[in-house]
Protein backbone atom coordinates (compact mmCIF):
# COMPACT_ATOMS: atom_id res chain seq x y z
CA MET A 1 -9.90 2.41 -4.34
CA LYS A 2 -13.25 2.84 -2.64
CA ILE A 3 -12.97 5.85 -0.32
CA LEU A 4 -15.40 7.59 2.04
CA PHE A 5 -14.88 11.08 3.40
CA ILE A 6 -16.75 12.37 6.43
CA GLY A 7 -17.11 15.96 5.27
CA GLY A 8 -15.16 16.36 2.07
CA THR A 9 -16.09 19.90 0.99
CA GLY A 10 -14.10 22.08 3.40
CA THR A 11 -10.92 24.11 2.93
CA ILE A 12 -8.64 21.11 3.33
CA SER A 13 -10.86 18.32 2.07
CA MET A 14 -12.24 19.83 -1.15
CA ALA A 15 -8.82 19.81 -2.83
CA ILE A 16 -8.33 16.16 -1.83
CA THR A 17 -11.80 15.30 -3.12
CA LYS A 18 -11.06 16.86 -6.51
CA LEU A 19 -7.63 15.22 -6.75
CA LEU A 20 -8.91 11.71 -5.91
CA ALA A 21 -11.84 12.13 -8.31
CA SER A 22 -9.42 13.08 -11.08
CA GLN A 23 -7.44 9.91 -10.32
CA GLY A 24 -10.51 7.76 -10.88
CA HIS A 25 -11.15 6.50 -7.35
CA GLU A 26 -14.64 5.52 -6.24
CA LEU A 27 -15.26 8.37 -3.82
CA TYR A 28 -18.18 8.93 -1.45
CA LEU A 29 -18.82 12.04 0.66
CA LEU A 30 -20.89 11.69 3.81
CA ASN A 31 -22.22 15.06 4.95
CA ARG A 32 -25.36 17.18 5.16
CA GLY A 33 -25.18 18.14 1.49
CA ASN A 34 -24.86 21.86 2.03
CA ARG A 35 -22.03 22.43 -0.48
CA HIS A 36 -22.10 20.10 -3.45
CA CYS A 37 -22.20 22.57 -6.34
CA ASP A 38 -18.43 22.36 -6.93
CA LEU A 39 -18.11 18.56 -6.78
CA PRO A 40 -16.87 16.50 -9.73
CA GLU A 41 -19.61 14.47 -11.40
CA ASN A 42 -18.08 11.13 -10.42
CA VAL A 43 -18.25 11.83 -6.67
CA HIS A 44 -21.10 10.09 -4.83
CA SER A 45 -23.02 11.82 -2.04
CA ILE A 46 -24.39 10.18 1.06
CA ILE A 47 -26.62 12.80 2.66
CA ALA A 48 -26.62 12.25 6.42
CA ASP A 49 -25.90 13.97 9.70
CA ILE A 50 -23.20 11.80 11.23
CA GLY A 51 -24.29 13.08 14.64
CA ASP A 52 -27.30 10.84 14.07
CA GLU A 53 -25.31 7.65 14.51
CA GLU A 54 -28.21 5.27 14.07
CA GLY A 55 -29.43 6.96 10.91
CA THR A 56 -25.90 7.06 9.48
CA ALA A 57 -25.34 3.40 10.25
CA LYS A 58 -28.46 2.52 8.26
CA LYS A 59 -27.24 4.51 5.24
CA LEU A 60 -23.84 2.77 5.41
CA ASP A 61 -25.30 -0.69 5.95
CA GLY A 62 -23.40 -3.30 3.94
CA MET A 63 -20.73 -0.88 2.70
CA THR A 64 -17.01 -1.38 3.24
CA PHE A 65 -14.14 0.91 2.19
CA ASP A 66 -10.45 0.87 1.43
CA CYS A 67 -10.16 4.16 3.30
CA VAL A 68 -12.31 6.43 5.47
CA GLY A 69 -11.17 10.04 5.92
CA GLU A 70 -12.46 11.98 8.94
CA PHE A 71 -12.30 15.79 8.54
CA ILE A 72 -14.84 17.04 11.09
CA GLY A 73 -13.97 15.27 14.35
CA PHE A 74 -12.92 17.69 17.07
CA VAL A 75 -13.54 15.89 20.37
CA PRO A 76 -12.99 12.25 21.43
CA SER A 77 -16.68 11.41 21.65
CA GLN A 78 -16.97 11.99 17.90
CA LEU A 79 -14.12 9.57 17.27
CA GLU A 80 -15.71 7.01 19.59
CA ARG A 81 -18.76 7.22 17.34
CA ASP A 82 -16.60 6.79 14.25
CA PHE A 83 -14.97 3.71 15.75
CA ARG A 84 -18.37 2.15 16.28
CA LEU A 85 -19.43 3.00 12.73
CA PHE A 86 -16.28 1.92 10.87
CA ASN A 87 -14.44 -0.70 12.92
CA GLY A 88 -14.14 -3.74 10.67
CA LYS A 89 -15.48 -1.80 7.67
CA THR A 90 -12.36 0.01 6.43
CA LYS A 91 -8.75 -0.92 5.71
CA GLN A 92 -7.57 2.55 6.75
CA PHE A 93 -8.99 5.40 8.84
CA ILE A 94 -7.27 8.76 8.29
CA TYR A 95 -7.97 11.40 10.92
CA ILE A 96 -7.25 15.09 10.39
CA SER A 97 -5.65 16.37 13.58
CA SER A 98 -3.71 19.66 13.83
CA ALA A 99 -0.10 20.75 13.93
CA SER A 100 -1.23 23.35 16.49
CA ALA A 101 -1.22 20.46 19.00
CA TYR A 102 2.57 20.45 18.97
CA GLN A 103 4.42 21.77 22.03
CA LYS A 104 3.94 25.51 22.71
CA PRO A 105 6.22 27.26 23.12
CA PRO A 106 8.30 24.84 21.03
CA ALA A 107 11.56 23.62 22.52
CA GLY A 108 13.15 23.83 19.07
CA TYR A 109 12.66 25.68 15.80
CA VAL A 110 12.28 22.53 13.64
CA ILE A 111 9.07 20.56 14.12
CA THR A 112 9.04 16.79 13.50
CA GLU A 113 6.40 14.19 14.30
CA ASP A 114 8.42 13.41 17.45
CA THR A 115 7.84 16.91 18.81
CA PRO A 116 5.62 16.46 21.91
CA LEU A 117 1.94 17.28 21.72
CA GLU A 118 1.48 19.81 24.53
CA ASN A 119 -0.39 23.06 24.02
CA PRO A 120 -1.65 24.61 27.26
CA TYR A 121 -2.99 27.69 25.47
CA TRP A 122 -5.61 26.28 23.11
CA GLU A 123 -8.46 23.94 24.00
CA TYR A 124 -8.93 23.11 20.30
CA SER A 125 -5.38 21.74 20.17
CA ARG A 126 -5.74 19.78 23.40
CA ASN A 127 -8.93 18.20 22.08
CA LYS A 128 -7.10 17.17 18.90
CA LYS A 129 -4.39 15.57 21.03
CA ALA A 130 -7.05 13.70 23.01
CA CYS A 131 -8.62 12.46 19.74
CA GLU A 132 -5.23 11.18 18.59
CA GLU A 133 -4.67 9.38 21.89
CA TYR A 134 -8.05 7.68 21.66
CA LEU A 135 -7.44 6.52 18.08
CA PHE A 136 -3.97 5.19 18.83
CA GLU A 137 -5.42 3.29 21.77
CA ARG A 138 -7.94 1.71 19.41
CA TYR A 139 -5.08 0.84 17.05
CA ARG A 140 -3.07 -0.82 19.80
CA GLN A 141 -5.93 -2.65 21.47
CA ASP A 142 -8.30 -3.37 18.58
CA GLY A 143 -6.18 -3.16 15.45
CA PHE A 144 -8.20 -0.20 14.17
CA PRO A 145 -6.17 0.93 11.10
CA VAL A 146 -5.47 4.54 12.06
CA THR A 147 -3.36 7.11 10.23
CA ILE A 148 -3.07 10.60 11.77
CA VAL A 149 -2.48 13.64 9.56
CA ARG A 150 -1.58 17.04 11.06
CA PRO A 151 -2.08 20.06 8.80
CA SER A 152 -0.74 23.43 9.82
CA HIS A 153 -2.06 26.68 8.34
CA THR A 154 -3.76 25.39 5.17
CA TYR A 155 -5.74 27.76 2.93
CA ASP A 156 -7.63 27.80 -0.35
CA GLU A 157 -8.69 30.35 -2.95
CA ARG A 158 -11.49 31.77 -0.79
CA SER A 159 -9.50 33.31 2.07
CA VAL A 160 -5.95 34.66 2.56
CA PRO A 161 -3.96 33.40 5.56
CA LEU A 162 -3.67 35.95 8.37
CA GLY A 163 -2.53 36.16 11.96
CA VAL A 164 -5.13 38.66 13.23
CA HIS A 165 -8.67 38.84 11.89
CA GLY A 166 -12.23 38.92 13.14
CA SER A 167 -15.03 36.37 13.06
CA GLY A 168 -15.91 37.42 9.50
CA GLY A 169 -12.67 36.07 8.06
CA SER A 170 -9.86 37.65 6.08
CA TRP A 171 -11.64 40.07 3.75
CA GLN A 172 -11.87 42.99 6.16
CA VAL A 173 -8.09 43.02 6.56
CA VAL A 174 -7.66 42.98 2.77
CA LYS A 175 -10.17 45.83 2.59
CA ARG A 176 -8.23 47.86 5.18
CA ILE A 177 -5.10 47.44 3.07
CA MET A 178 -7.00 48.57 -0.03
CA GLU A 179 -8.25 51.63 1.90
CA ASP A 180 -4.72 52.51 3.09
CA LYS A 181 -5.66 51.88 6.72
CA PRO A 182 -3.16 50.53 9.24
CA VAL A 183 -3.27 46.76 9.68
CA ILE A 184 -2.63 45.08 13.04
CA ILE A 185 0.17 42.49 12.87
CA HIS A 186 1.04 40.44 15.94
CA GLY A 187 4.51 40.90 17.43
CA ASP A 188 6.95 42.68 15.13
CA GLY A 189 6.07 40.59 12.09
CA THR A 190 9.44 38.81 12.01
CA SER A 191 8.41 35.42 13.45
CA LEU A 192 8.46 32.68 10.82
CA TRP A 193 5.31 30.90 9.68
CA THR A 194 4.36 28.18 7.23
CA ILE A 195 1.30 28.41 5.02
CA THR A 196 0.26 25.56 2.74
CA HIS A 197 -2.06 25.74 -0.23
CA ASN A 198 -4.74 23.06 -0.05
CA SER A 199 -3.81 21.68 -3.48
CA ASP A 200 -0.31 20.93 -2.19
CA PHE A 201 -1.66 19.39 1.00
CA ALA A 202 -3.91 17.13 -1.10
CA LYS A 203 -0.92 15.57 -2.85
CA GLY A 204 0.63 14.46 0.45
CA TYR A 205 -2.66 13.19 1.83
CA ALA A 206 -3.50 11.21 -1.31
CA GLY A 207 -0.05 9.59 -1.23
CA LEU A 208 -0.76 8.08 2.19
CA ILE A 209 -4.04 6.45 1.17
CA GLY A 210 -3.72 2.70 0.83
CA ASP A 211 -0.16 2.47 2.14
CA PRO A 212 0.10 -0.17 4.91
CA ALA A 213 3.22 1.56 6.24
CA ALA A 214 1.07 4.59 7.16
CA ILE A 215 -1.08 2.57 9.58
CA GLY A 216 -0.39 3.39 13.21
CA GLN A 217 1.60 6.48 12.26
CA ALA A 218 1.24 10.27 12.41
CA PHE A 219 2.40 12.68 9.70
CA HIS A 220 2.26 16.40 9.24
CA ILE A 221 1.80 17.72 5.72
CA THR A 222 3.00 21.29 5.10
CA SER A 223 5.02 23.42 2.77
CA ASP A 224 8.80 23.38 3.36
CA GLU A 225 8.84 27.17 3.19
CA SER A 226 8.88 29.34 6.33
CA VAL A 227 8.34 33.07 5.82
CA PRO A 228 8.05 36.08 8.14
CA TRP A 229 4.55 37.35 8.81
CA ASN A 230 5.67 40.67 7.36
CA ASP A 231 6.19 38.97 4.01
CA ILE A 232 2.73 37.41 4.14
CA TYR A 233 1.08 40.78 4.69
CA LYS A 234 3.32 42.48 2.11
CA ALA A 235 2.28 39.86 -0.45
CA ILE A 236 -1.37 40.72 0.18
CA ALA A 237 -0.65 44.44 -0.21
CA HIS A 238 1.30 43.81 -3.42
CA ALA A 239 -1.54 41.70 -4.81
CA VAL A 240 -4.02 44.57 -4.37
CA GLY A 241 -1.55 47.20 -5.60
CA LYS A 242 -1.19 48.99 -2.28
CA GLU A 243 1.52 49.83 0.25
CA LEU A 244 1.27 47.99 3.56
CA HIS A 245 0.81 50.14 6.69
CA PRO A 246 1.60 47.72 9.52
CA TYR A 247 0.67 48.43 13.11
CA TYR A 248 2.54 46.09 15.41
CA VAL A 249 0.94 44.87 18.65
CA SER A 250 2.47 42.24 20.90
CA SER A 251 0.72 38.88 20.81
CA GLN A 252 0.29 38.96 24.57
CA THR A 253 -1.39 42.36 24.41
CA LEU A 254 -3.80 41.05 21.80
CA ALA A 255 -4.43 37.92 23.85
CA ASP A 256 -5.19 40.03 26.94
CA MET A 257 -7.97 41.90 25.13
CA SER A 258 -11.44 40.50 25.75
CA ASP A 259 -13.07 41.34 22.40
CA TYR A 260 -11.50 38.41 20.51
CA ASP A 261 -9.89 35.19 21.76
CA PHE A 262 -6.36 35.39 20.43
CA THR A 263 -4.74 33.35 23.21
CA GLY A 264 -5.07 30.03 21.40
CA SER A 265 -4.57 31.20 17.83
CA LEU A 266 -1.57 33.45 18.62
CA ILE A 267 0.16 32.38 21.86
CA GLY A 268 -0.76 28.77 21.19
CA ASP A 269 0.04 28.82 17.50
CA LYS A 270 0.85 31.66 15.11
CA ALA A 271 3.12 33.74 17.33
CA ASN A 272 5.70 30.92 17.42
CA SER A 273 8.37 30.60 14.75
CA VAL A 274 8.22 27.14 13.21
CA HIS A 275 9.72 25.13 10.39
CA PHE A 276 8.21 21.76 9.57
CA ASP A 277 10.42 18.81 8.61
CA ASN A 278 8.44 16.68 6.12
CA SER A 279 11.01 13.89 5.95
CA LYS A 280 8.65 11.31 7.46
CA LEU A 281 5.98 12.04 4.88
CA ARG A 282 8.55 11.78 2.06
CA SER A 283 9.67 8.41 3.34
CA LEU A 284 6.29 7.13 2.09
CA VAL A 285 5.48 9.79 -0.54
CA PRO A 286 8.95 10.51 -1.99
CA ASP A 287 7.71 12.78 -4.77
CA PHE A 288 5.79 15.10 -2.40
CA LYS A 289 6.58 18.74 -3.08
CA ALA A 290 4.66 21.87 -2.18
CA ASP A 291 4.81 23.76 -5.47
CA ILE A 292 2.85 26.89 -4.51
CA SER A 293 4.96 29.45 -2.64
CA ALA A 294 3.42 31.78 -0.08
CA TRP A 295 3.88 34.72 -2.50
CA ASP A 296 2.26 32.94 -5.44
CA GLY A 297 -0.51 31.39 -3.36
CA ILE A 298 -1.51 34.72 -1.85
CA HIS A 299 -1.59 36.39 -5.26
CA MET A 300 -3.70 33.56 -6.65
CA THR A 301 -6.10 33.85 -3.74
CA ILE A 302 -6.45 37.63 -3.93
CA LYS A 303 -7.13 37.42 -7.67
CA TYR A 304 -9.85 34.86 -7.05
CA ILE A 305 -11.48 36.81 -4.19
CA LEU A 306 -11.50 40.06 -6.13
CA SER A 307 -13.34 38.32 -8.97
CA HIS A 308 -15.82 36.60 -6.63
CA PRO A 309 -17.77 39.18 -4.58
CA GLU A 310 -19.47 36.40 -2.57
CA TYR A 311 -16.18 35.95 -0.68
CA GLN A 312 -15.85 39.67 0.14
CA THR A 313 -17.58 39.40 3.50
CA GLU A 314 -17.37 42.65 5.44
CA ASP A 315 -16.75 42.60 9.16
CA LYS A 316 -17.53 46.10 10.34
CA GLU A 317 -17.20 45.23 14.01
CA PHE A 318 -13.64 44.02 13.50
CA ASP A 319 -12.85 47.11 11.46
CA LYS A 320 -14.06 49.37 14.29
CA TRP A 321 -12.18 47.25 16.82
CA CYS A 322 -8.93 47.73 14.91
CA ASP A 323 -9.43 51.49 14.88
CA ARG A 324 -10.21 51.51 18.64
CA VAL A 325 -7.16 49.42 19.50
CA ILE A 326 -4.81 51.52 17.43
CA ALA A 327 -6.25 54.78 18.82
CA ALA A 328 -5.99 53.52 22.42
CA LEU A 329 -2.40 52.32 21.99
CA GLU A 330 -1.40 55.61 20.32
CA LYS A 331 -2.92 57.52 23.21
CA THR A 332 -0.98 55.39 25.68
CA LYS A 333 2.24 56.17 23.81
CA ALA A 334 1.42 59.90 23.86
CA ASP A 335 0.77 59.81 27.59
CA PHE A 336 4.24 58.49 28.19
């Protein structure tokens, strides 16, 4: 098939790009060209800033596709632009939304595609919902061939999945573990979470491409495994050969602090126990299976990061913040 990705080199999309290239599809990536060093040789690049709609339209003039995948649309105005660019030029338009848009707090433990989209805690999630609503309206009114895909916490080899970290990413938490420092974990670490390696996500996504039954439908793609946050952090500690020293702080306390915005990412997402039912995806992709467990995926990621210093980005401000928070909470306990 002839496929175009808007983006195509991010955490989620890079694995899909590599998988589709290995399957022999004619694949084009439309982006600014900032990260092409890891691309397979048979992937074609269209260097453009899609924010420049007129310039992008000129570069795409005369081209049609079996599928267009949108990975970088976060607000409805961006999808309105995509509709203008691709209406009538693709047989399928797959939009990456987010499982964080599902109802928070969830009414039930098991999440299906019928779970309402209602997240009052995170603007990011509400914007994703609005994007979905716009695209489904275009499907109903204009026949725009939309498929919605909702990833949950998807990661790759460059960063371990965490609940609490700073703007510099995950490395500073790994470093604290390696230095035997206490690590802040939201809640008591017993809430259940699902993490999905991007190579597993790619298999589900690729299975939906070109399937007419996927048009006008939404699917989440996740691992079937739900694990306590304590196990996620223990896996990191085990991978670096250290003992974990957890310091538990309620999600609401973390959200109330002004230094970092944890309201959306915790109260609106990671603090909630969830288990995703992938039955709808398997109705179209029956052989879908997430093969990489949380334990194995974290060990693979840590091994990769430790051998690639360029992904060991220090975040000294977050490190100092952790120490201040722990000291302040310990003082409060002592005062009582």
